[in-house]
Amino acid sequence: MGKPENLIQMAVIGAAHGIKGELRVKTFTGDPLALGDYGPLHARDGRIFEVANIRPTGNVVVVRFKGVGDRNAAEALAGTELFIDRAALPEEDEDEFYHADLVGLAVRDETAAAVGRVAAVQNFGGGDILELTLGGRKGVLIPFSKAAVPEISIAGGYIRVDRIAAGLVEDEDKMLRQQSKGTEQ
């Protein structure tokens, strides 16, 4: 198998753990211990990593990768993002999806009008957040909740956003007031 084309991030390597080449790894998998079940992991630069051993510890897992035998080799890997090809992931049910499937989807409002695009899915520790581009504004953040995003259609290529639940109404009202002030002058 060559270099994956449709990358899905599965983990990021943290600090070295001990002196035998083990690493602390933050996983983005449903079951952190399943990291090695998806096959070889790929770094952006083309390096391939195979999990030799994995165990839980706190909020991360401690991983020994094949070919990483000492602390110096482990320290050199800190910050490396690990990916697999999208094709290696199991197919999801009709109402399930991966976060990566959301990026690029159109954003529709309550009237089904297209108002933007999903730029990214973020999580800064308090839950998932959608980063949107709306009306030319980049970096608009909304909570990724059923109330704020009541409909997701991967097949249709869009998500529907409830502007009130997403906290977007105040911004729109302010923008409309500023626009009306500009037309009154």
C-alpha atoms as a PDB file:
ATOM      1  CA  MET A   1       0.000   0.000   0.000  1.00  0.00           C
ATOM      2  CA  GLY A   2       1.370   3.397  -0.974  1.00  0.00           C
ATOM      3  CA  LYS A   3       1.068   6.690   0.807  1.00  0.00           C
ATOM      4  CA  PRO A   4      -2.530   7.332   1.905  1.00  0.00           C
ATOM      5  CA  GLU A   5      -4.383   9.936  -0.133  1.00  0.00           C
ATOM      6  CA  ASN A   6      -7.387  10.737   2.060  1.00  0.00           C
ATOM      7  CA  LEU A   7      -5.767  11.239   5.460  1.00  0.00           C
ATOM      8  CA  ILE A   8      -7.700  10.923   8.702  1.00  0.00           C
ATOM      9  CA  GLN A   9      -5.802  11.919  11.834  1.00  0.00           C
ATOM     10  CA  MET A  10      -5.850   9.158  14.426  1.00  0.00           C
ATOM     11  CA  ALA A  11      -3.377  10.435  17.023  1.00  0.00           C
ATOM     12  CA  VAL A  12      -0.578  12.812  17.910  1.00  0.00           C
ATOM     13  CA  ILE A  13       2.615  11.724  19.603  1.00  0.00           C
ATOM     14  CA  GLY A  14       3.438  13.479  22.854  1.00  0.00           C
ATOM     15  CA  ALA A  15       6.439  13.171  25.146  1.00  0.00           C
ATOM     16  CA  ALA A  16       8.756  10.235  25.605  1.00  0.00           C
ATOM     17  CA  HIS A  17       7.789   7.908  28.456  1.00  0.00           C
ATOM     18  CA  GLY A  18      10.667   6.211  30.219  1.00  0.00           C
ATOM     19  CA  ILE A  19      13.993   5.218  28.693  1.00  0.00           C
ATOM     20  CA  LYS A  20      13.005   2.300  26.427  1.00  0.00           C
ATOM     21  CA  GLY A  21      11.442   4.277  23.561  1.00  0.00           C
ATOM     22  CA  GLU A  22       7.859   4.376  24.730  1.00  0.00           C
ATOM     23  CA  LEU A  23       5.741   7.435  23.951  1.00  0.00           C
ATOM     24  CA  ARG A  24       2.692   9.125  25.380  1.00  0.00           C
ATOM     25  CA  VAL A  25       0.133   9.360  22.579  1.00  0.00           C
ATOM     26  CA  LYS A  26      -3.171  11.241  22.428  1.00  0.00           C
ATOM     27  CA  THR A  27      -5.605   9.258  20.287  1.00  0.00           C
ATOM     28  CA  PHE A  28      -8.709  10.432  18.442  1.00  0.00           C
ATOM     29  CA  THR A  29     -10.248   6.978  18.224  1.00  0.00           C
ATOM     30  CA  GLY A  30     -13.407   5.799  19.976  1.00  0.00           C
ATOM     31  CA  ASP A  31     -11.345   3.200  21.836  1.00  0.00           C
ATOM     32  CA  PRO A  32      -7.836   4.552  22.478  1.00  0.00           C
ATOM     33  CA  LEU A  33      -6.436   1.029  22.775  1.00  0.00           C
ATOM     34  CA  ALA A  34      -7.617   0.253  19.221  1.00  0.00           C
ATOM     35  CA  LEU A  35      -5.050   2.618  17.677  1.00  0.00           C
ATOM     36  CA  GLY A  36      -3.030  -0.268  16.257  1.00  0.00           C
ATOM     37  CA  ASP A  37      -6.100  -2.079  14.901  1.00  0.00           C
ATOM     38  CA  TYR A  38      -6.335   0.204  11.856  1.00  0.00           C
ATOM     39  CA  GLY A  39      -3.008  -0.909  10.414  1.00  0.00           C
ATOM     40  CA  PRO A  40       0.155   1.125   9.910  1.00  0.00           C
ATOM     41  CA  LEU A  41       0.008   4.783  10.899  1.00  0.00           C
ATOM     42  CA  HIS A  42       1.496   7.394   8.592  1.00  0.00           C
ATOM     43  CA  ALA A  43       3.212  10.699   9.314  1.00  0.00           C
ATOM     44  CA  ARG A  44       2.822  13.563   6.816  1.00  0.00           C
ATOM     45  CA  ASP A  45       6.469  13.181   5.803  1.00  0.00           C
ATOM     46  CA  GLY A  46       5.915   9.577   4.690  1.00  0.00           C
ATOM     47  CA  ARG A  47       7.254   7.731   7.747  1.00  0.00           C
ATOM     48  CA  ILE A  48       5.249   4.656   8.738  1.00  0.00           C
ATOM     49  CA  PHE A  49       4.658   3.572  12.339  1.00  0.00           C
ATOM     50  CA  GLU A  50       3.440   0.200  13.589  1.00  0.00           C
ATOM     51  CA  VAL A  51       2.168  -0.235  17.128  1.00  0.00           C
ATOM     52  CA  ALA A  52       4.121  -2.961  18.918  1.00  0.00           C
ATOM     53  CA  ASN A  53       2.513  -2.462  22.328  1.00  0.00           C
ATOM     54  CA  ILE A  54      -0.102  -0.134  23.791  1.00  0.00           C
ATOM     55  CA  ARG A  55      -1.464   0.440  27.297  1.00  0.00           C
ATOM     56  CA  PRO A  56      -3.691   3.082  28.921  1.00  0.00           C
ATOM     57  CA  THR A  57      -2.423   5.709  31.327  1.00  0.00           C
ATOM     58  CA  GLY A  58      -4.536   8.669  32.413  1.00  0.00           C
ATOM     59  CA  ASN A  59      -5.966  10.587  29.444  1.00  0.00           C
ATOM     60  CA  VAL A  60      -3.518   9.116  26.919  1.00  0.00           C
ATOM     61  CA  VAL A  61      -1.993   5.785  25.959  1.00  0.00           C
ATOM     62  CA  VAL A  62       1.614   4.714  26.206  1.00  0.00           C
ATOM     63  CA  VAL A  63       2.769   3.219  22.919  1.00  0.00           C
ATOM     64  CA  ARG A  64       5.866   1.373  21.834  1.00  0.00           C
ATOM     65  CA  PHE A  65       6.324   1.636  18.070  1.00  0.00           C
ATOM     66  CA  LYS A  66       8.368  -0.919  16.145  1.00  0.00           C
ATOM     67  CA  GLY A  67      11.826   0.485  15.465  1.00  0.00           C
ATOM     68  CA  VAL A  68      11.780   3.053  18.287  1.00  0.00           C
ATOM     69  CA  GLY A  69      14.083   1.560  20.891  1.00  0.00           C
ATOM     70  CA  ASP A  70      15.354   4.324  23.142  1.00  0.00           C
ATOM     71  CA  ARG A  71      14.432   7.633  24.716  1.00  0.00           C
ATOM     72  CA  ASN A  72      16.411   9.714  22.180  1.00  0.00           C
ATOM     73  CA  ALA A  73      14.525   8.182  19.251  1.00  0.00           C
ATOM     74  CA  ALA A  74      11.253   8.671  21.122  1.00  0.00           C
ATOM     75  CA  GLU A  75      11.971  12.328  21.948  1.00  0.00           C
ATOM     76  CA  ALA A  76      12.578  13.055  18.255  1.00  0.00           C
ATOM     77  CA  LEU A  77       8.982  12.011  17.482  1.00  0.00           C
ATOM     78  CA  ALA A  78       7.225  14.434  19.859  1.00  0.00           C
ATOM     79  CA  GLY A  79       4.480  16.352  18.051  1.00  0.00           C
ATOM     80  CA  THR A  80       4.249  13.925  15.117  1.00  0.00           C
ATOM     81  CA  GLU A  81       0.688  13.584  13.859  1.00  0.00           C
ATOM     82  CA  LEU A  82      -0.367  10.075  12.865  1.00  0.00           C
ATOM     83  CA  PHE A  83      -2.856   9.315  10.099  1.00  0.00           C
ATOM     84  CA  ILE A  84      -4.484   6.450   8.251  1.00  0.00           C
ATOM     85  CA  ASP A  85      -6.200   6.368   4.883  1.00  0.00           C
ATOM     86  CA  ARG A  86      -9.960   6.977   5.110  1.00  0.00           C
ATOM     87  CA  ALA A  87     -10.514   3.652   3.307  1.00  0.00           C
ATOM     88  CA  ALA A  88      -9.061   1.788   6.335  1.00  0.00           C
ATOM     89  CA  LEU A  89     -11.897   2.973   8.578  1.00  0.00           C
ATOM     90  CA  PRO A  90     -14.998   0.809   8.929  1.00  0.00           C
ATOM     91  CA  GLU A  91     -18.067   1.986   7.037  1.00  0.00           C
ATOM     92  CA  GLU A  92     -20.427   3.920   9.253  1.00  0.00           C
ATOM     93  CA  ASP A  93     -24.196   3.546   9.466  1.00  0.00           C
ATOM     94  CA  GLU A  94     -26.419   5.991   7.608  1.00  0.00           C
ATOM     95  CA  ASP A  95     -26.775   8.275  10.651  1.00  0.00           C
ATOM     96  CA  GLU A  96     -23.100   8.041  11.659  1.00  0.00           C
ATOM     97  CA  PHE A  97     -20.098   9.888  10.282  1.00  0.00           C
ATOM     98  CA  TYR A  98     -16.520  10.813  11.008  1.00  0.00           C
ATOM     99  CA  HIS A  99     -15.608  14.412  11.868  1.00  0.00           C
ATOM    100  CA  ALA A 100     -13.459  14.554   8.740  1.00  0.00           C
ATOM    101  CA  ASP A 101     -16.615  13.910   6.674  1.00  0.00           C
ATOM    102  CA  LEU A 102     -18.029  17.266   7.823  1.00  0.00           C
ATOM    103  CA  VAL A 103     -15.181  19.437   6.538  1.00  0.00           C
ATOM    104  CA  GLY A 104     -16.193  21.120   3.294  1.00  0.00           C
ATOM    105  CA  LEU A 105     -19.941  20.564   3.701  1.00  0.00           C
ATOM    106  CA  ALA A 106     -22.249  23.444   2.876  1.00  0.00           C
ATOM    107  CA  VAL A 107     -23.900  25.211   5.817  1.00  0.00           C
ATOM    108  CA  ARG A 108     -27.618  25.919   5.396  1.00  0.00           C
ATOM    109  CA  ASP A 109     -29.824  28.023   7.630  1.00  0.00           C
ATOM    110  CA  GLU A 110     -33.428  27.375   8.713  1.00  0.00           C
ATOM    111  CA  THR A 111     -34.732  28.396   5.274  1.00  0.00           C
ATOM    112  CA  ALA A 112     -32.360  25.898   3.550  1.00  0.00           C
ATOM    113  CA  ALA A 113     -30.367  28.790   2.059  1.00  0.00           C
ATOM    114  CA  ALA A 114     -26.647  28.076   1.722  1.00  0.00           C
ATOM    115  CA  VAL A 115     -24.812  30.503   4.006  1.00  0.00           C
ATOM    116  CA  GLY A 116     -21.304  29.055   4.265  1.00  0.00           C
ATOM    117  CA  ARG A 117     -19.055  26.008   4.639  1.00  0.00           C
ATOM    118  CA  VAL A 118     -17.655  23.841   7.422  1.00  0.00           C
ATOM    119  CA  ALA A 119     -13.938  24.665   7.691  1.00  0.00           C
ATOM    120  CA  ALA A 120     -12.953  22.356  10.571  1.00  0.00           C
ATOM    121  CA  VAL A 121     -14.085  20.425  13.623  1.00  0.00           C
ATOM    122  CA  GLN A 122     -12.259  21.565  16.758  1.00  0.00           C
ATOM    123  CA  ASN A 123     -12.164  20.353  20.336  1.00  0.00           C
ATOM    124  CA  PHE A 124     -10.359  22.476  22.897  1.00  0.00           C
ATOM    125  CA  GLY A 125     -11.427  20.298  25.819  1.00  0.00           C
ATOM    126  CA  GLY A 126     -15.001  21.469  26.346  1.00  0.00           C
ATOM    127  CA  GLY A 127     -16.661  19.505  23.548  1.00  0.00           C
ATOM    128  CA  ASP A 128     -16.728  19.570  19.782  1.00  0.00           C
ATOM    129  CA  ILE A 129     -16.983  22.903  18.003  1.00  0.00           C
ATOM    130  CA  LEU A 130     -17.601  23.533  14.322  1.00  0.00           C
ATOM    131  CA  GLU A 131     -15.474  26.188  12.666  1.00  0.00           C
ATOM    132  CA  LEU A 132     -17.430  27.750   9.822  1.00  0.00           C
ATOM    133  CA  THR A 133     -16.931  30.243   7.054  1.00  0.00           C
ATOM    134  CA  LEU A 134     -20.152  32.303   6.926  1.00  0.00           C
ATOM    135  CA  GLY A 135     -20.798  35.133   4.527  1.00  0.00           C
ATOM    136  CA  GLY A 136     -17.103  35.734   3.941  1.00  0.00           C
ATOM    137  CA  ARG A 137     -16.299  35.642   7.677  1.00  0.00           C
ATOM    138  CA  LYS A 138     -13.754  32.963   8.547  1.00  0.00           C
ATOM    139  CA  GLY A 139     -13.333  31.309  11.925  1.00  0.00           C
ATOM    140  CA  VAL A 140     -16.956  31.492  13.082  1.00  0.00           C
ATOM    141  CA  LEU A 141     -17.265  28.959  15.920  1.00  0.00           C
ATOM    142  CA  ILE A 142     -20.500  27.242  16.933  1.00  0.00           C
ATOM    143  CA  PRO A 143     -21.202  24.378  19.334  1.00  0.00           C
ATOM    144  CA  PHE A 144     -21.534  21.014  17.647  1.00  0.00           C
ATOM    145  CA  SER A 145     -24.752  19.999  19.354  1.00  0.00           C
ATOM    146  CA  LYS A 146     -28.096  18.620  18.178  1.00  0.00           C
ATOM    147  CA  ALA A 147     -29.725  21.977  19.014  1.00  0.00           C
ATOM    148  CA  ALA A 148     -27.227  24.062  17.017  1.00  0.00           C
ATOM    149  CA  VAL A 149     -26.880  21.546  14.171  1.00  0.00           C
ATOM    150  CA  PRO A 150     -30.223  19.730  13.938  1.00  0.00           C
ATOM    151  CA  GLU A 151     -29.550  18.134  10.555  1.00  0.00           C
ATOM    152  CA  ILE A 152     -26.475  16.545   9.005  1.00  0.00           C
ATOM    153  CA  SER A 153     -26.650  15.137   5.495  1.00  0.00           C
ATOM    154  CA  ILE A 154     -23.324  13.721   4.389  1.00  0.00           C
ATOM    155  CA  ALA A 155     -24.941  12.317   1.222  1.00  0.00           C
ATOM    156  CA  GLY A 156     -26.614  15.671   0.535  1.00  0.00           C
ATOM    157  CA  GLY A 157     -23.395  17.569   1.193  1.00  0.00           C
ATOM    158  CA  TYR A 158     -24.720  19.924   3.870  1.00  0.00           C
ATOM    159  CA  ILE A 159     -25.464  20.590   7.522  1.00  0.00           C
ATOM    160  CA  ARG A 160     -28.386  22.712   8.702  1.00  0.00           C
ATOM    161  CA  VAL A 161     -27.701  25.233  11.458  1.00  0.00           C
ATOM    162  CA  ASP A 162     -30.240  26.721  13.859  1.00  0.00           C
ATOM    163  CA  ARG A 163     -28.936  30.299  14.093  1.00  0.00           C
ATOM    164  CA  ILE A 164     -30.467  30.936  17.518  1.00  0.00           C
ATOM    165  CA  ALA A 165     -29.155  27.734  19.137  1.00  0.00           C
ATOM    166  CA  ALA A 166     -25.767  28.252  17.457  1.00  0.00           C
ATOM    167  CA  GLY A 167     -25.506  31.761  18.911  1.00  0.00           C
ATOM    168  CA  LEU A 168     -25.398  33.447  15.513  1.00  0.00           C
ATOM    169  CA  VAL A 169     -28.487  35.696  15.775  1.00  0.00           C
ATOM    170  CA  GLU A 170     -26.887  38.440  17.863  1.00  0.00           C
ATOM    171  CA  ASP A 171     -24.070  38.778  15.327  1.00  0.00           C
ATOM    172  CA  GLU A 172     -26.550  38.902  12.439  1.00  0.00           C
ATOM    173  CA  ASP A 173     -28.730  41.506  14.187  1.00  0.00           C
ATOM    174  CA  LYS A 174     -25.673  43.654  14.856  1.00  0.00           C
ATOM    175  CA  MET A 175     -24.551  43.296  11.235  1.00  0.00           C
ATOM    176  CA  LEU A 176     -28.029  44.234   9.940  1.00  0.00           C
ATOM    177  CA  ARG A 177     -28.133  47.322  12.212  1.00  0.00           C
ATOM    178  CA  GLN A 178     -24.724  48.415  10.909  1.00  0.00           C
ATOM    179  CA  GLN A 179     -25.823  47.887   7.323  1.00  0.00           C
ATOM    180  CA  SER A 180     -29.037  49.861   7.851  1.00  0.00           C
ATOM    181  CA  LYS A 181     -27.071  52.734   9.428  1.00  0.00           C
ATOM    182  CA  GLY A 182     -24.890  52.812   6.320  1.00  0.00           C
ATOM    183  CA  THR A 183     -27.930  53.072   4.022  1.00  0.00           C
ATOM    184  CA  GLU A 184     -29.565  55.814   6.108  1.00  0.00           C
ATOM    185  CA  GLN A 185     -26.633  58.168   5.653  1.00  0.00           C
END
